[in-house]
Amino acid sequence: MKFEDFKSGVYRSQYQYKSFLPARVNQEWTWNDPRINVLLEKATQALGELNAFSRIVPNVDLFISMHILKEANTSSRIEGTKTEIDDVVKSADAIVPEKRDDWQEVQNYVQAMNEAIQHLDTLPLSLRLIRRTHEILMNNVRGEHKTPGEFRTSQNWIGGSSLADAAYIPPHVSDLSDLLDDFEKFLHNDNILVPHLIRCALAHYQFETIHPFQDGNGRIGRLLITLYLVSNNLLLKPTLYLSEFLEKHRGQYYDALTRVRESNDISHWIRFFLQAVIDTSEKGKLTFENILRLHRSTESNLVKLGRRAENARKLLMHLYQSPVTTIKQVEDLLNMNYARANSLVTSLVSMNILQETTGYSRNRIFVFRRYIDTFNG
């Protein structure tokens, strides 16, 4: 199928509304647009350069944790949560009551991503894995009544307050089974020649168009981009997340998806997606460079601590994964008494490595501010 000849689907009359039945995607795809060739080359190169950091950065898994946390927060924010990165790095008891629901949604996303990545070692990227990931995502949060881990059994819609004024109405439930079967086969069809980034772009469009869950489709659809790249070895580690780009260009993102359905313009969507990969990969490389620069700077400062430097390094390794701590947590982590833990933290504060955030004399919370800021740029 040539992109230029693509027909996105048809609207089918249901009771008092029309649902959109998308065309199948499990086929070979070609195109005449030379802009796609150039963007595909640039995106592949940028992704490869980002992936190289997974090989050269010592203890890279420590830093992946913050990548996932930032993605979880950004992807959830697209759906309406109000948390900032400073909120989601804290423990539950440090979150004000009005933000706890949003905080929990972000934590669920982190757990869903981590478990999905682990499952890729033994399971293919499949409907089974997608359902399990959705179940974790929607557990014990708003929308939990909307059948976590199960594909929808009733009609949903996007935009508006009801089917009567919806901006988009996905396929009827009677069409879901065939569409999802086609979608899953497309992910793994080795008999068709489609570059991975093109296949990933098409898969994301199709998933969002099918909208198979009652809730949580946007977050799962964005999460699937990273899972696809990892499962097909384009990434060694989950280091590419498009949510920040999609949030920044939200109107263009929704417009690009809509243009496919309304005008059959799949080429525009592919170009948008590839540009997102390029820009996000470039920013990801810069983040890793800043992390390495911070790591070197911090290491040189720790030498000043003399015999306490080794404990400080152990604490820093923990903070790269979870950049907020308390004196009690330092006591437990390093197996030391309060006086020694307090002295070590006080030294790190004086060296501008940690920052106390509460202003209290008790129950103080310390943040690895410069590290968090590398993900806010």
Protein backbone atom coordinates (compact mmCIF):
# COMPACT_ATOMS: atom_id res chain seq x y z
CA MET A 1 0.00 0.00 0.00
CA LYS A 2 1.36 3.40 -0.98
CA PHE A 3 0.79 6.18 1.52
CA GLU A 4 -0.51 8.29 -1.33
CA ASP A 5 -3.22 5.72 -2.13
CA PHE A 6 -4.24 5.08 1.48
CA LYS A 7 -7.91 5.27 2.45
CA SER A 8 -8.14 5.61 6.22
CA GLY A 9 -11.52 3.96 6.71
CA VAL A 10 -15.24 4.58 6.72
CA TYR A 11 -17.88 5.87 9.08
CA ARG A 12 -20.51 3.33 10.01
CA SER A 13 -23.96 4.21 11.29
CA GLN A 14 -24.76 2.95 14.76
CA TYR A 15 -27.72 3.87 16.93
CA GLN A 16 -27.90 7.69 16.78
CA TYR A 17 -24.20 8.10 15.96
CA LYS A 18 -21.50 7.07 13.49
CA SER A 19 -18.36 5.23 14.54
CA PHE A 20 -15.15 5.18 12.54
CA LEU A 21 -13.96 1.84 11.14
CA PRO A 22 -10.26 2.20 10.26
CA ALA A 23 -8.55 0.37 7.42
CA ARG A 24 -6.33 -2.57 8.34
CA VAL A 25 -2.60 -1.89 8.69
CA ASN A 26 -1.09 -5.37 8.40
CA GLN A 27 0.36 -4.95 4.93
CA GLU A 28 3.49 -3.70 3.20
CA TRP A 29 3.84 0.07 2.98
CA THR A 30 5.67 2.29 0.48
CA TRP A 31 5.69 5.98 -0.32
CA ASN A 32 6.77 8.51 -2.93
CA ASP A 33 7.43 11.39 -0.54
CA PRO A 34 11.22 12.07 -0.43
CA ARG A 35 10.76 14.07 2.78
CA ILE A 36 9.94 10.83 4.56
CA ASN A 37 13.18 9.26 3.33
CA VAL A 38 15.25 12.15 4.68
CA LEU A 39 13.42 12.23 8.02
CA LEU A 40 13.66 8.44 8.37
CA GLU A 41 17.42 8.59 7.85
CA LYS A 42 17.81 11.41 10.39
CA ALA A 43 15.55 9.70 12.93
CA THR A 44 17.40 6.39 12.63
CA GLN A 45 20.75 8.13 13.09
CA ALA A 46 19.56 10.20 16.06
CA LEU A 47 18.03 7.15 17.72
CA GLY A 48 21.25 5.19 17.23
CA GLU A 49 23.29 7.98 18.82
CA LEU A 50 20.92 8.09 21.79
CA ASN A 51 21.11 4.32 22.11
CA ALA A 52 24.91 4.52 22.27
CA PHE A 53 24.66 6.20 25.66
CA SER A 54 23.15 2.99 27.03
CA ARG A 55 26.51 1.34 26.26
CA ILE A 56 28.89 4.06 27.41
CA VAL A 57 27.24 5.47 30.55
CA PRO A 58 28.37 3.62 33.69
CA ASN A 59 25.49 2.21 35.74
CA VAL A 60 23.03 3.46 33.12
CA ASP A 61 20.09 1.70 34.81
CA LEU A 62 20.39 4.16 37.70
CA PHE A 63 19.56 7.03 35.37
CA ILE A 64 16.87 5.16 33.43
CA SER A 65 14.69 5.32 36.55
CA MET A 66 14.43 9.10 36.29
CA HIS A 67 13.80 8.91 32.53
CA ILE A 68 10.84 6.65 33.21
CA LEU A 69 9.59 8.85 36.05
CA LYS A 70 9.71 11.96 33.88
CA GLU A 71 7.90 10.17 31.05
CA ALA A 72 5.26 8.89 33.47
CA ASN A 73 4.64 12.39 34.74
CA THR A 74 4.54 14.01 31.29
CA SER A 75 2.34 11.34 29.72
CA SER A 76 -0.08 11.54 32.65
CA ARG A 77 -0.11 15.32 32.46
CA ILE A 78 -1.33 15.13 28.87
CA GLU A 79 -4.37 13.36 30.31
CA GLY A 80 -4.98 16.07 32.89
CA THR A 81 -2.89 15.33 35.99
CA LYS A 82 -1.36 18.38 37.69
CA THR A 83 1.83 16.98 39.22
CA GLU A 84 5.30 18.33 38.50
CA ILE A 85 8.52 16.36 38.56
CA ASP A 86 9.27 17.72 42.05
CA ASP A 87 6.06 16.10 43.30
CA VAL A 88 6.43 12.66 41.76
CA VAL A 89 9.95 12.05 43.11
CA LYS A 90 8.60 12.29 46.66
CA SER A 91 7.13 9.49 48.77
CA ALA A 92 3.37 9.26 49.24
CA ASP A 93 3.39 10.70 52.76
CA ALA A 94 5.10 13.87 51.49
CA ILE A 95 2.32 14.62 48.98
CA VAL A 96 -0.49 17.01 49.92
CA PRO A 97 -3.90 15.27 49.89
CA GLU A 98 -5.24 17.14 46.84
CA LYS A 99 -2.38 15.81 44.70
CA ARG A 100 -2.34 12.19 45.86
CA ASP A 101 -4.64 10.88 43.13
CA ASP A 102 -2.46 12.45 40.45
CA TRP A 103 0.68 11.20 42.20
CA GLN A 104 -0.71 7.65 42.25
CA GLU A 105 -1.49 7.75 38.53
CA VAL A 106 2.13 8.63 37.79
CA GLN A 107 3.42 5.87 40.08
CA ASN A 108 1.16 3.38 38.30
CA TYR A 109 2.63 4.44 34.98
CA VAL A 110 6.16 3.87 36.32
CA GLN A 111 5.19 0.40 37.55
CA ALA A 112 3.44 -0.41 34.27
CA MET A 113 6.47 0.58 32.22
CA ASN A 114 8.95 -1.26 34.44
CA GLU A 115 6.95 -4.47 34.46
CA ALA A 116 6.31 -4.30 30.71
CA ILE A 117 10.04 -3.90 30.03
CA GLN A 118 10.76 -6.89 32.26
CA HIS A 119 8.09 -8.99 30.52
CA LEU A 120 9.67 -8.31 27.12
CA ASP A 121 12.43 -10.72 28.15
CA THR A 122 9.93 -13.59 28.04
CA LEU A 123 6.88 -12.27 26.16
CA PRO A 124 6.47 -10.63 22.75
CA LEU A 125 4.87 -7.21 22.49
CA SER A 126 1.34 -8.54 22.31
CA LEU A 127 -2.28 -7.89 23.22
CA ARG A 128 -1.71 -9.99 26.33
CA LEU A 129 1.15 -7.76 27.44
CA ILE A 130 -0.82 -4.62 26.56
CA ARG A 131 -3.76 -5.76 28.71
CA ARG A 132 -1.47 -6.54 31.64
CA THR A 133 0.19 -3.13 31.33
CA HIS A 134 -3.22 -1.43 31.25
CA GLU A 135 -4.30 -3.34 34.35
CA ILE A 136 -1.34 -1.95 36.30
CA LEU A 137 -1.84 1.54 34.91
CA MET A 138 -5.48 1.75 35.97
CA ASN A 139 -5.22 -0.03 39.32
CA ASN A 140 -6.72 1.88 42.26
CA VAL A 141 -6.95 5.24 40.44
CA ARG A 142 -9.61 7.30 38.73
CA GLY A 143 -10.99 5.16 35.95
CA GLU A 144 -10.38 1.90 37.84
CA HIS A 145 -14.07 1.12 37.39
CA LYS A 146 -13.49 1.11 33.64
CA THR A 147 -12.35 -2.53 33.50
CA PRO A 148 -8.56 -2.37 34.01
CA GLY A 149 -6.77 -4.89 31.81
CA GLU A 150 -9.83 -5.58 29.67
CA PHE A 151 -10.73 -4.29 26.24
CA ARG A 152 -13.89 -2.25 26.23
CA THR A 153 -17.31 -3.79 25.83
CA SER A 154 -19.16 -0.54 25.20
CA GLN A 155 -18.76 2.47 22.94
CA ASN A 156 -16.34 5.20 24.00
CA TRP A 157 -15.62 8.59 22.47
CA ILE A 158 -13.06 11.41 22.43
CA GLY A 159 -13.94 15.04 23.11
CA GLY A 160 -17.36 16.35 24.01
CA SER A 161 -19.61 15.31 26.84
CA SER A 162 -21.41 12.49 25.05
CA LEU A 163 -21.65 10.61 21.77
CA ALA A 164 -23.89 13.39 20.48
CA ASP A 165 -21.15 16.02 20.50
CA ALA A 166 -18.00 13.85 20.41
CA ALA A 167 -15.00 15.00 18.38
CA TYR A 168 -14.20 11.40 17.43
CA ILE A 169 -16.01 8.08 17.93
CA PRO A 170 -13.76 5.00 17.67
CA PRO A 171 -14.84 1.68 16.15
CA HIS A 172 -17.87 -0.15 17.48
CA VAL A 173 -17.11 -2.97 19.92
CA SER A 174 -18.23 -5.52 17.34
CA ASP A 175 -15.23 -4.54 15.20
CA LEU A 176 -12.61 -4.58 17.97
CA SER A 177 -11.61 -8.23 17.74
CA ASP A 178 -10.71 -8.16 14.04
CA LEU A 179 -8.98 -4.80 14.30
CA LEU A 180 -6.88 -5.83 17.28
CA ASP A 181 -5.95 -9.12 15.63
CA ASP A 182 -4.75 -7.21 12.57
CA PHE A 183 -2.87 -4.73 14.79
CA GLU A 184 -1.07 -7.49 16.70
CA LYS A 185 -0.10 -9.34 13.53
CA PHE A 186 1.29 -6.12 12.05
CA LEU A 187 3.66 -5.72 15.00
CA HIS A 188 5.36 -9.03 14.20
CA ASN A 189 4.80 -9.70 10.50
CA ASP A 190 8.23 -10.61 9.12
CA ASN A 191 6.80 -11.23 5.66
CA ILE A 192 6.34 -7.52 4.98
CA LEU A 193 9.19 -5.06 4.51
CA VAL A 194 8.45 -2.00 6.64
CA PRO A 195 11.20 -0.04 8.48
CA HIS A 196 10.73 -0.23 12.24
CA LEU A 197 10.19 3.49 12.78
CA ILE A 198 7.54 3.55 10.06
CA ARG A 199 5.88 0.47 11.54
CA CYS A 200 6.01 2.05 15.01
CA ALA A 201 4.38 5.26 13.70
CA LEU A 202 1.61 3.31 11.98
CA ALA A 203 1.05 1.13 15.03
CA HIS A 204 0.67 4.16 17.29
CA TYR A 205 -1.81 5.76 14.91
CA GLN A 206 -3.81 2.55 14.64
CA PHE A 207 -3.88 1.94 18.39
CA GLU A 208 -5.12 5.46 19.11
CA THR A 209 -7.70 5.16 16.34
CA ILE A 210 -9.02 1.83 17.63
CA HIS A 211 -9.00 3.16 21.23
CA PRO A 212 -9.54 -0.34 22.60
CA PHE A 213 -9.82 0.47 26.30
CA GLN A 214 -12.53 2.40 28.07
CA ASP A 215 -9.89 4.70 29.54
CA GLY A 216 -6.10 5.07 29.51
CA ASN A 217 -5.64 4.67 25.75
CA GLY A 218 -3.43 7.73 25.34
CA ARG A 219 -0.96 6.66 28.01
CA ILE A 220 -0.81 3.06 26.77
CA GLY A 221 -0.40 4.24 23.18
CA ARG A 222 2.56 6.45 24.08
CA LEU A 223 4.08 3.76 26.27
CA LEU A 224 3.84 1.31 23.36
CA ILE A 225 6.22 3.43 21.29
CA THR A 226 9.04 2.80 23.75
CA LEU A 227 8.11 -0.86 24.19
CA TYR A 228 8.16 -1.38 20.43
CA LEU A 229 11.63 0.14 20.08
CA VAL A 230 13.01 -1.94 22.96
CA SER A 231 11.37 -5.16 21.80
CA ASN A 232 12.88 -4.75 18.34
CA ASN A 233 16.35 -3.87 19.65
CA LEU A 234 16.38 -0.31 18.36
CA LEU A 235 16.95 0.61 21.99
CA LEU A 236 18.95 -1.38 24.53
CA LYS A 237 17.23 0.49 27.34
CA PRO A 238 13.97 2.49 27.51
CA THR A 239 15.57 5.88 26.87
CA LEU A 240 13.26 7.43 24.25
CA TYR A 241 9.92 8.92 25.32
CA LEU A 242 7.88 11.12 23.02
CA SER A 243 5.40 12.47 25.57
CA GLU A 244 7.28 15.72 26.21
CA PHE A 245 7.35 16.48 22.47
CA LEU A 246 3.69 15.51 22.11
CA GLU A 247 2.68 17.67 25.07
CA LYS A 248 4.60 20.65 23.68
CA HIS A 249 3.01 20.16 20.25
CA ARG A 250 -0.31 18.80 21.49
CA GLY A 251 -2.46 20.61 18.94
CA GLN A 252 -0.28 19.46 16.05
CA TYR A 253 -0.26 15.92 17.42
CA TYR A 254 -4.05 15.64 17.54
CA ASP A 255 -4.32 17.42 14.20
CA ALA A 256 -1.92 14.95 12.58
CA LEU A 257 -3.95 11.97 13.80
CA THR A 258 -7.20 13.61 12.74
CA ARG A 259 -5.85 14.41 9.27
CA VAL A 260 -5.31 10.72 8.66
CA ARG A 261 -8.91 9.87 9.51
CA GLU A 262 -10.48 12.86 7.78
CA SER A 263 -8.19 13.36 4.77
CA ASN A 264 -6.31 10.04 4.40
CA ASP A 265 -3.08 12.00 4.91
CA ILE A 266 -0.94 9.28 6.47
CA SER A 267 2.25 10.88 5.12
CA HIS A 268 1.74 13.97 7.28
CA TRP A 269 1.43 11.80 10.40
CA ILE A 270 4.57 9.81 9.50
CA ARG A 271 6.58 13.02 9.03
CA PHE A 272 5.31 14.39 12.34
CA PHE A 273 6.22 11.16 14.14
CA LEU A 274 9.72 10.99 12.66
CA GLN A 275 10.37 14.62 13.61
CA ALA A 276 9.27 13.77 17.14
CA VAL A 277 11.82 10.93 17.23
CA ILE A 278 14.57 13.23 15.93
CA ASP A 279 13.91 16.06 18.38
CA THR A 280 13.40 13.74 21.35
CA SER A 281 16.56 11.75 20.59
CA GLU A 282 18.60 14.95 20.37
CA LYS A 283 17.22 16.16 23.69
CA GLY A 284 17.83 12.73 25.24
CA LYS A 285 21.48 12.85 24.19
CA LEU A 286 21.83 16.29 25.77
CA THR A 287 20.29 14.99 29.00
CA PHE A 288 22.80 12.14 29.16
CA GLU A 289 25.66 14.54 28.49
CA ASN A 290 24.47 16.75 31.34
CA ILE A 291 24.15 13.73 33.63
CA LEU A 292 27.72 12.65 32.87
CA ARG A 293 28.96 16.21 33.47
CA LEU A 294 27.12 16.37 36.79
CA HIS A 295 28.41 12.93 37.76
CA ARG A 296 32.02 13.95 37.13
CA SER A 297 31.59 17.21 39.01
CA THR A 298 29.97 15.51 41.98
CA GLU A 299 32.61 12.79 42.13
CA SER A 300 35.39 15.36 42.26
CA ASN A 301 33.66 17.06 45.20
CA LEU A 302 33.19 13.83 47.15
CA VAL A 303 36.95 13.40 47.42
CA LYS A 304 36.91 16.29 49.89
CA LEU A 305 34.97 14.13 52.34
CA GLY A 306 37.94 11.87 53.01
CA ARG A 307 36.93 8.62 54.68
CA ARG A 308 33.24 9.51 54.37
CA ALA A 309 33.50 9.68 50.56
CA GLU A 310 32.64 6.00 50.10
CA ASN A 311 29.37 6.32 52.02
CA ALA A 312 28.61 9.51 50.12
CA ARG A 313 29.08 7.63 46.82
CA LYS A 314 26.69 4.91 47.96
CA LEU A 315 24.13 7.55 48.85
CA LEU A 316 24.60 9.28 45.49
CA MET A 317 24.06 6.01 43.63
CA HIS A 318 20.74 5.73 45.44
CA LEU A 319 19.86 9.36 44.69
CA TYR A 320 20.40 8.86 40.95
CA GLN A 321 17.48 6.44 41.11
CA SER A 322 15.40 8.32 43.67
CA PRO A 323 16.63 11.91 44.13
CA VAL A 324 14.79 12.67 47.38
CA THR A 325 15.81 11.42 50.81
CA THR A 326 15.51 11.94 54.57
CA ILE A 327 17.97 11.43 57.41
CA LYS A 328 16.11 8.26 58.42
CA GLN A 329 16.41 6.86 54.92
CA VAL A 330 20.14 7.59 54.92
CA GLU A 331 20.46 5.80 58.27
CA ASP A 332 18.76 2.72 56.86
CA LEU A 333 20.55 2.80 53.51
CA LEU A 334 24.05 3.14 54.96
CA ASN A 335 23.43 1.30 58.24
CA MET A 336 24.61 4.19 60.41
CA ASN A 337 23.27 6.10 63.39
CA TYR A 338 21.47 9.43 63.26
CA ALA A 339 24.49 11.55 64.13
CA ARG A 340 26.66 10.14 61.33
CA ALA A 341 23.81 10.24 58.79
CA ASN A 342 22.98 13.82 59.70
CA SER A 343 26.63 14.84 59.45
CA LEU A 344 26.98 13.29 56.00
CA VAL A 345 23.82 14.94 54.69
CA THR A 346 24.84 18.28 56.18
CA SER A 347 28.15 18.05 54.34
CA LEU A 348 26.39 17.31 51.05
CA VAL A 349 24.12 20.31 51.61
CA SER A 350 27.12 22.56 52.22
CA MET A 351 28.66 21.27 48.96
CA ASN A 352 25.44 22.17 47.11
CA ILE A 353 24.81 18.54 46.21
CA LEU A 354 21.67 18.23 48.34
CA GLN A 355 19.10 20.90 49.10
CA GLU A 356 16.76 20.94 52.10
CA THR A 357 13.24 21.75 50.90
CA THR A 358 10.96 21.94 53.93
CA GLY A 359 12.57 24.63 56.09
CA TYR A 360 11.66 22.53 59.14
CA SER A 361 14.01 21.49 61.92
CA ARG A 362 12.44 18.03 61.99
CA ASN A 363 11.13 15.69 59.27
CA ARG A 364 13.39 17.38 56.77
CA ILE A 365 13.41 16.37 53.11
CA PHE A 366 16.55 16.66 50.99
CA VAL A 367 16.58 16.84 47.21
CA PHE A 368 19.34 16.20 44.66
CA ARG A 369 18.28 19.39 42.90
CA ARG A 370 20.89 19.64 40.16
CA TYR A 371 20.14 16.10 39.06
CA ILE A 372 16.39 16.73 38.85
CA ASP A 373 17.09 19.87 36.88
CA THR A 374 18.89 17.90 34.16
CA PHE A 375 15.48 16.41 33.31
CA ASN A 376 13.69 19.76 33.37
CA GLY A 377 15.69 21.40 30.61
